[in-house]
Amino acid sequence: MKKSYKCEVDCANCAAKMEEAINKIEGVKSARVNFMTQKLTLDAEDDRYDEILDAAVKACKKVEPDCEIEI
């Protein structure tokens, strides 16, 4: 399943770190964090999507604690 979310990120470097962290999560097929459009695009296994999305949000918060992802 592939979905996009509004993702408030402060800098391009943080966006790259978030993307790298999310792509390391088991079950993630691909993830893109675009600083310019302020979007997170997540493609992950359908049967574990909600669990993977929660892990992705936590990974983003580790990189940038004030990051907001609108689910």
PDB file of N, CA and C in Angstrom:
ATOM      1  N   MET A   1       0.843  -1.163   0.000  1.00  0.00           N
ATOM      2  CA  MET A   1       0.000   0.000   0.000  1.00  0.00           C
ATOM      3  C   MET A   1       0.896   1.236   0.000  1.00  0.00           C
ATOM      4  N   LYS A   2       0.531   2.221  -0.798  1.00  0.00           N
ATOM      5  CA  LYS A   2       1.315   3.449  -0.909  1.00  0.00           C
ATOM      6  C   LYS A   2       0.417   4.636  -0.587  1.00  0.00           C
ATOM      7  N   LYS A   3       0.858   5.451   0.383  1.00  0.00           N
ATOM      8  CA  LYS A   3       0.088   6.630   0.776  1.00  0.00           C
ATOM      9  C   LYS A   3       1.034   7.792   1.019  1.00  0.00           C
ATOM     10  N   SER A   4       0.475   9.010   0.900  1.00  0.00           N
ATOM     11  CA  SER A   4       1.250  10.228   1.164  1.00  0.00           C
ATOM     12  C   SER A   4       0.637  10.981   2.333  1.00  0.00           C
ATOM     13  N   TYR A   5       1.500  11.650   3.096  1.00  0.00           N
ATOM     14  CA  TYR A   5       1.081  12.402   4.272  1.00  0.00           C
ATOM     15  C   TYR A   5       1.797  13.740   4.291  1.00  0.00           C
ATOM     16  N   LYS A   6       1.127  14.745   4.856  1.00  0.00           N
ATOM     17  CA  LYS A   6       1.769  16.046   5.054  1.00  0.00           C
ATOM     18  C   LYS A   6       2.762  15.874   6.194  1.00  0.00           C
ATOM     19  N   CYS A   7       3.971  16.320   5.969  1.00  0.00           N
ATOM     20  CA  CYS A   7       5.057  16.127   6.926  1.00  0.00           C
ATOM     21  C   CYS A   7       5.807  17.435   7.097  1.00  0.00           C
ATOM     22  N   GLU A   8       5.665  18.060   8.262  1.00  0.00           N
ATOM     23  CA  GLU A   8       6.353  19.328   8.515  1.00  0.00           C
ATOM     24  C   GLU A   8       7.772  19.042   8.980  1.00  0.00           C
ATOM     25  N   VAL A   9       8.718  19.328   8.104  1.00  0.00           N
ATOM     26  CA  VAL A   9      10.134  19.109   8.404  1.00  0.00           C
ATOM     27  C   VAL A   9      10.882  20.422   8.163  1.00  0.00           C
ATOM     28  N   ASP A  10      11.848  20.724   9.053  1.00  0.00           N
ATOM     29  CA  ASP A  10      12.499  22.034   9.039  1.00  0.00           C
ATOM     30  C   ASP A  10      13.653  22.194   8.048  1.00  0.00           C
ATOM     31  N   CYS A  11      14.318  21.094   7.700  1.00  0.00           N
ATOM     32  CA  CYS A  11      15.461  21.243   6.790  1.00  0.00           C
ATOM     33  C   CYS A  11      15.632  20.006   5.909  1.00  0.00           C
ATOM     34  N   ALA A  12      16.325  20.183   4.806  1.00  0.00           N
ATOM     35  CA  ALA A  12      16.528  19.094   3.850  1.00  0.00           C
ATOM     36  C   ALA A  12      17.373  17.978   4.456  1.00  0.00           C
ATOM     37  N   ASN A  13      18.340  18.323   5.294  1.00  0.00           N
ATOM     38  CA  ASN A  13      19.184  17.316   5.929  1.00  0.00           C
ATOM     39  C   ASN A  13      18.356  16.422   6.850  1.00  0.00           C
ATOM     40  N   CYS A  14      17.452  17.017   7.614  1.00  0.00           N
ATOM     41  CA  CYS A  14      16.575  16.241   8.498  1.00  0.00           C
ATOM     42  C   CYS A  14      15.662  15.327   7.673  1.00  0.00           C
ATOM     43  N   ALA A  15      15.159  15.834   6.570  1.00  0.00           N
ATOM     44  CA  ALA A  15      14.304  15.032   5.698  1.00  0.00           C
ATOM     45  C   ALA A  15      15.063  13.810   5.188  1.00  0.00           C
ATOM     46  N   ALA A  16      16.317  13.994   4.813  1.00  0.00           N
ATOM     47  CA  ALA A  16      17.133  12.868   4.330  1.00  0.00           C
ATOM     48  C   ALA A  16      17.372  11.849   5.443  1.00  0.00           C
ATOM     49  N   LYS A  17      17.624  12.329   6.652  1.00  0.00           N
ATOM     50  CA  LYS A  17      17.832  11.422   7.788  1.00  0.00           C
ATOM     51  C   LYS A  17      16.560  10.638   8.108  1.00  0.00           C
ATOM     52  N   MET A  18      15.408  11.315   8.041  1.00  0.00           N
ATOM     53  CA  MET A  18      14.119  10.643   8.290  1.00  0.00           C
ATOM     54  C   MET A  18      13.880   9.564   7.248  1.00  0.00           C
ATOM     55  N   GLU A  19      14.115   9.913   6.000  1.00  0.00           N
ATOM     56  CA  GLU A  19      13.918   8.960   4.900  1.00  0.00           C
ATOM     57  C   GLU A  19      14.794   7.726   5.099  1.00  0.00           C
ATOM     58  N   GLU A  20      16.038   7.941   5.455  1.00  0.00           N
ATOM     59  CA  GLU A  20      16.963   6.827   5.679  1.00  0.00           C
ATOM     60  C   GLU A  20      16.485   5.945   6.834  1.00  0.00           C
ATOM     61  N   ALA A  21      16.028   6.555   7.924  1.00  0.00           N
ATOM     62  CA  ALA A  21      15.557   5.807   9.090  1.00  0.00           C
ATOM     63  C   ALA A  21      14.303   4.996   8.757  1.00  0.00           C
ATOM     64  N   ILE A  22      13.382   5.591   8.014  1.00  0.00           N
ATOM     65  CA  ILE A  22      12.136   4.890   7.664  1.00  0.00           C
ATOM     66  C   ILE A  22      12.428   3.715   6.734  1.00  0.00           C
ATOM     67  N   ASN A  23      13.331   3.893   5.791  1.00  0.00           N
ATOM     68  CA  ASN A  23      13.654   2.821   4.848  1.00  0.00           C
ATOM     69  C   ASN A  23      14.302   1.615   5.519  1.00  0.00           C
ATOM     70  N   LYS A  24      14.828   1.795   6.736  1.00  0.00           N
ATOM     71  CA  LYS A  24      15.428   0.685   7.475  1.00  0.00           C
ATOM     72  C   LYS A  24      14.395  -0.155   8.227  1.00  0.00           C
ATOM     73  N   ILE A  25      13.165   0.332   8.330  1.00  0.00           N
ATOM     74  CA  ILE A  25      12.107  -0.386   9.049  1.00  0.00           C
ATOM     75  C   ILE A  25      11.687  -1.607   8.242  1.00  0.00           C
ATOM     76  N   GLU A  26      11.584  -2.742   8.930  1.00  0.00           N
ATOM     77  CA  GLU A  26      11.183  -3.979   8.266  1.00  0.00           C
ATOM     78  C   GLU A  26       9.753  -3.852   7.735  1.00  0.00           C
ATOM     79  N   GLY A  27       9.554  -4.206   6.478  1.00  0.00           N
ATOM     80  CA  GLY A  27       8.244  -4.129   5.848  1.00  0.00           C
ATOM     81  C   GLY A  27       8.061  -2.913   4.954  1.00  0.00           C
ATOM     82  N   VAL A  28       8.997  -1.963   5.017  1.00  0.00           N
ATOM     83  CA  VAL A  28       8.920  -0.768   4.168  1.00  0.00           C
ATOM     84  C   VAL A  28       9.495  -1.110   2.802  1.00  0.00           C
ATOM     85  N   LYS A  29       8.683  -0.902   1.763  1.00  0.00           N
ATOM     86  CA  LYS A  29       9.154  -1.122   0.390  1.00  0.00           C
ATOM     87  C   LYS A  29       9.945   0.097  -0.079  1.00  0.00           C
ATOM     88  N   SER A  30       9.402   1.297   0.191  1.00  0.00           N
ATOM     89  CA  SER A  30      10.114   2.537  -0.112  1.00  0.00           C
ATOM     90  C   SER A  30       9.489   3.675   0.682  1.00  0.00           C
ATOM     91  N   ALA A  31      10.311   4.658   0.974  1.00  0.00           N
ATOM     92  CA  ALA A  31       9.840   5.854   1.673  1.00  0.00           C
ATOM     93  C   ALA A  31      10.573   7.059   1.103  1.00  0.00           C
ATOM     94  N   ARG A  32       9.833   8.149   0.935  1.00  0.00           N
ATOM     95  CA  ARG A  32      10.414   9.400   0.449  1.00  0.00           C
ATOM     96  C   ARG A  32       9.927  10.519   1.362  1.00  0.00           C
ATOM     97  N   VAL A  33      10.841  11.330   1.838  1.00  0.00           N
ATOM     98  CA  VAL A  33      10.492  12.524   2.600  1.00  0.00           C
ATOM     99  C   VAL A  33      10.989  13.694   1.767  1.00  0.00           C
ATOM    100  N   ASN A  34      10.052  14.481   1.256  1.00  0.00           N
ATOM    101  CA  ASN A  34      10.385  15.592   0.387  1.00  0.00           C
ATOM    102  C   ASN A  34      10.285  16.902   1.160  1.00  0.00           C
ATOM    103  N   PHE A  35      11.425  17.550   1.359  1.00  0.00           N
ATOM    104  CA  PHE A  35      11.465  18.805   2.109  1.00  0.00           C
ATOM    105  C   PHE A  35      10.721  19.924   1.377  1.00  0.00           C
ATOM    106  N   MET A  36      10.861  19.980   0.076  1.00  0.00           N
ATOM    107  CA  MET A  36      10.247  21.067  -0.700  1.00  0.00           C
ATOM    108  C   MET A  36       8.721  21.015  -0.673  1.00  0.00           C
ATOM    109  N   THR A  37       8.146  19.825  -0.800  1.00  0.00           N
ATOM    110  CA  THR A  37       6.687  19.701  -0.815  1.00  0.00           C
ATOM    111  C   THR A  37       6.123  19.385   0.565  1.00  0.00           C
ATOM    112  N   GLN A  38       7.014  19.150   1.549  1.00  0.00           N
ATOM    113  CA  GLN A  38       6.605  18.810   2.914  1.00  0.00           C
ATOM    114  C   GLN A  38       5.714  17.569   2.921  1.00  0.00           C
ATOM    115  N   LYS A  39       6.167  16.515   2.202  1.00  0.00           N
ATOM    116  CA  LYS A  39       5.377  15.285   2.092  1.00  0.00           C
ATOM    117  C   LYS A  39       6.206  14.059   2.421  1.00  0.00           C
ATOM    118  N   LEU A  40       5.541  13.104   3.054  1.00  0.00           N
ATOM    119  CA  LEU A  40       6.097  11.777   3.289  1.00  0.00           C
ATOM    120  C   LEU A  40       5.294  10.814   2.430  1.00  0.00           C
ATOM    121  N   THR A  41       5.965  10.065   1.575  1.00  0.00           N
ATOM    122  CA  THR A  41       5.312   9.033   0.779  1.00  0.00           C
ATOM    123  C   THR A  41       5.849   7.699   1.267  1.00  0.00           C
ATOM    124  N   LEU A  42       4.928   6.856   1.749  1.00  0.00           N
ATOM    125  CA  LEU A  42       5.297   5.577   2.341  1.00  0.00           C
ATOM    126  C   LEU A  42       4.649   4.436   1.574  1.00  0.00           C
ATOM    127  N   ASP A  43       5.469   3.492   1.140  1.00  0.00           N
ATOM    128  CA  ASP A  43       4.998   2.283   0.474  1.00  0.00           C
ATOM    129  C   ASP A  43       5.444   1.115   1.347  1.00  0.00           C
ATOM    130  N   ALA A  44       4.459   0.402   1.914  1.00  0.00           N
ATOM    131  CA  ALA A  44       4.780  -0.671   2.860  1.00  0.00           C
ATOM    132  C   ALA A  44       3.813  -1.839   2.689  1.00  0.00           C
ATOM    133  N   GLU A  45       4.133  -2.942   3.356  1.00  0.00           N
ATOM    134  CA  GLU A  45       3.296  -4.149   3.293  1.00  0.00           C
ATOM    135  C   GLU A  45       1.877  -3.826   3.772  1.00  0.00           C
ATOM    136  N   ASP A  46       0.884  -4.304   3.017  1.00  0.00           N
ATOM    137  CA  ASP A  46      -0.519  -4.015   3.323  1.00  0.00           C
ATOM    138  C   ASP A  46      -0.961  -4.541   4.686  1.00  0.00           C
ATOM    139  N   ASP A  47      -0.595  -5.772   5.012  1.00  0.00           N
ATOM    140  CA  ASP A  47      -1.098  -6.400   6.230  1.00  0.00           C
ATOM    141  C   ASP A  47      -0.505  -5.807   7.514  1.00  0.00           C
ATOM    142  N   ARG A  48       0.605  -5.090   7.429  1.00  0.00           N
ATOM    143  CA  ARG A  48       1.251  -4.481   8.603  1.00  0.00           C
ATOM    144  C   ARG A  48       1.352  -2.966   8.464  1.00  0.00           C
ATOM    145  N   TYR A  49       0.562  -2.383   7.586  1.00  0.00           N
ATOM    146  CA  TYR A  49       0.733  -0.970   7.247  1.00  0.00           C
ATOM    147  C   TYR A  49       0.632  -0.052   8.469  1.00  0.00           C
ATOM    148  N   ASP A  50      -0.390  -0.230   9.302  1.00  0.00           N
ATOM    149  CA  ASP A  50      -0.575   0.654  10.457  1.00  0.00           C
ATOM    150  C   ASP A  50       0.594   0.566  11.425  1.00  0.00           C
ATOM    151  N   GLU A  51       1.069  -0.641  11.656  1.00  0.00           N
ATOM    152  CA  GLU A  51       2.225  -0.867  12.540  1.00  0.00           C
ATOM    153  C   GLU A  51       3.481  -0.188  11.980  1.00  0.00           C
ATOM    154  N   ILE A  52       3.675  -0.313  10.678  1.00  0.00           N
ATOM    155  CA  ILE A  52       4.836   0.291  10.014  1.00  0.00           C
ATOM    156  C   ILE A  52       4.732   1.814  10.037  1.00  0.00           C
ATOM    157  N   LEU A  53       3.532   2.341   9.822  1.00  0.00           N
ATOM    158  CA  LEU A  53       3.321   3.790   9.858  1.00  0.00           C
ATOM    159  C   LEU A  53       3.654   4.343  11.242  1.00  0.00           C
ATOM    160  N   ASP A  54       3.239   3.661  12.300  1.00  0.00           N
ATOM    161  CA  ASP A  54       3.561   4.087  13.667  1.00  0.00           C
ATOM    162  C   ASP A  54       5.074   4.112  13.883  1.00  0.00           C
ATOM    163  N   ALA A  55       5.757   3.085  13.394  1.00  0.00           N
ATOM    164  CA  ALA A  55       7.214   3.021  13.519  1.00  0.00           C
ATOM    165  C   ALA A  55       7.874   4.158  12.727  1.00  0.00           C
ATOM    166  N   ALA A  56       7.312   4.486  11.577  1.00  0.00           N
ATOM    167  CA  ALA A  56       7.854   5.578  10.749  1.00  0.00           C
ATOM    168  C   ALA A  56       7.703   6.920  11.457  1.00  0.00           C
ATOM    169  N   VAL A  57       6.556   7.139  12.086  1.00  0.00           N
ATOM    170  CA  VAL A  57       6.333   8.385  12.828  1.00  0.00           C
ATOM    171  C   VAL A  57       7.333   8.486  13.981  1.00  0.00           C
ATOM    172  N   LYS A  58       7.547   7.389  14.689  1.00  0.00           N
ATOM    173  CA  LYS A  58       8.513   7.372  15.796  1.00  0.00           C
ATOM    174  C   LYS A  58       9.929   7.649  15.295  1.00  0.00           C
ATOM    175  N   ALA A  59      10.278   7.085  14.144  1.00  0.00           N
ATOM    176  CA  ALA A  59      11.603   7.309  13.552  1.00  0.00           C
ATOM    177  C   ALA A  59      11.790   8.786  13.207  1.00  0.00           C
ATOM    178  N   CYS A  60      10.758   9.416  12.682  1.00  0.00           N
ATOM    179  CA  CYS A  60      10.826  10.841  12.344  1.00  0.00           C
ATOM    180  C   CYS A  60      10.987  11.685  13.605  1.00  0.00           C
ATOM    181  N   LYS A  61      10.279  11.323  14.659  1.00  0.00           N
ATOM    182  CA  LYS A  61      10.357  12.069  15.924  1.00  0.00           C
ATOM    183  C   LYS A  61      11.749  11.960  16.547  1.00  0.00           C
ATOM    184  N   LYS A  62      12.442  10.833  16.316  1.00  0.00           N
ATOM    185  CA  LYS A  62      13.804  10.686  16.836  1.00  0.00           C
ATOM    186  C   LYS A  62      14.752  11.658  16.143  1.00  0.00           C
ATOM    187  N   VAL A  63      14.551  11.835  14.841  1.00  0.00           N
ATOM    188  CA  VAL A  63      15.412  12.734  14.067  1.00  0.00           C
ATOM    189  C   VAL A  63      15.079  14.194  14.399  1.00  0.00           C
ATOM    190  N   GLU A  64      13.792  14.509  14.404  1.00  0.00           N
ATOM    191  CA  GLU A  64      13.337  15.872  14.640  1.00  0.00           C
ATOM    192  C   GLU A  64      12.118  15.834  15.573  1.00  0.00           C
ATOM    193  N   PRO A  65      12.312  16.046  16.872  1.00  0.00           N
ATOM    194  CA  PRO A  65      11.234  15.894  17.849  1.00  0.00           C
ATOM    195  C   PRO A  65       9.981  16.733  17.579  1.00  0.00           C
ATOM    196  N   ASP A  66      10.119  17.892  16.929  1.00  0.00           N
ATOM    197  CA  ASP A  66       8.948  18.723  16.672  1.00  0.00           C
ATOM    198  C   ASP A  66       8.311  18.469  15.302  1.00  0.00           C
ATOM    199  N   CYS A  67       8.701  17.399  14.647  1.00  0.00           N
ATOM    200  CA  CYS A  67       8.133  17.028  13.345  1.00  0.00           C
ATOM    201  C   CYS A  67       6.670  16.615  13.513  1.00  0.00           C
ATOM    202  N   GLU A  68       5.813  17.104  12.644  1.00  0.00           N
ATOM    203  CA  GLU A  68       4.402  16.730  12.659  1.00  0.00           C
ATOM    204  C   GLU A  68       4.035  16.031  11.360  1.00  0.00           C
ATOM    205  N   ILE A  69       3.431  14.847  11.482  1.00  0.00           N
ATOM    206  CA  ILE A  69       2.946  14.107  10.324  1.00  0.00           C
ATOM    207  C   ILE A  69       1.445  13.978  10.460  1.00  0.00           C
ATOM    208  N   GLU A  70       0.721  14.526   9.492  1.00  0.00           N
ATOM    209  CA  GLU A  70      -0.737  14.505   9.527  1.00  0.00           C
ATOM    210  C   GLU A  70      -1.243  13.206   8.925  1.00  0.00           C
ATOM    211  N   ILE A  71      -1.769  12.355   9.792  1.00  0.00           N
ATOM    212  CA  ILE A  71      -2.253  11.031   9.358  1.00  0.00           C
ATOM    213  C   ILE A  71      -3.746  11.105   9.089  1.00  0.00           C
TER     214      ILE A  71
END
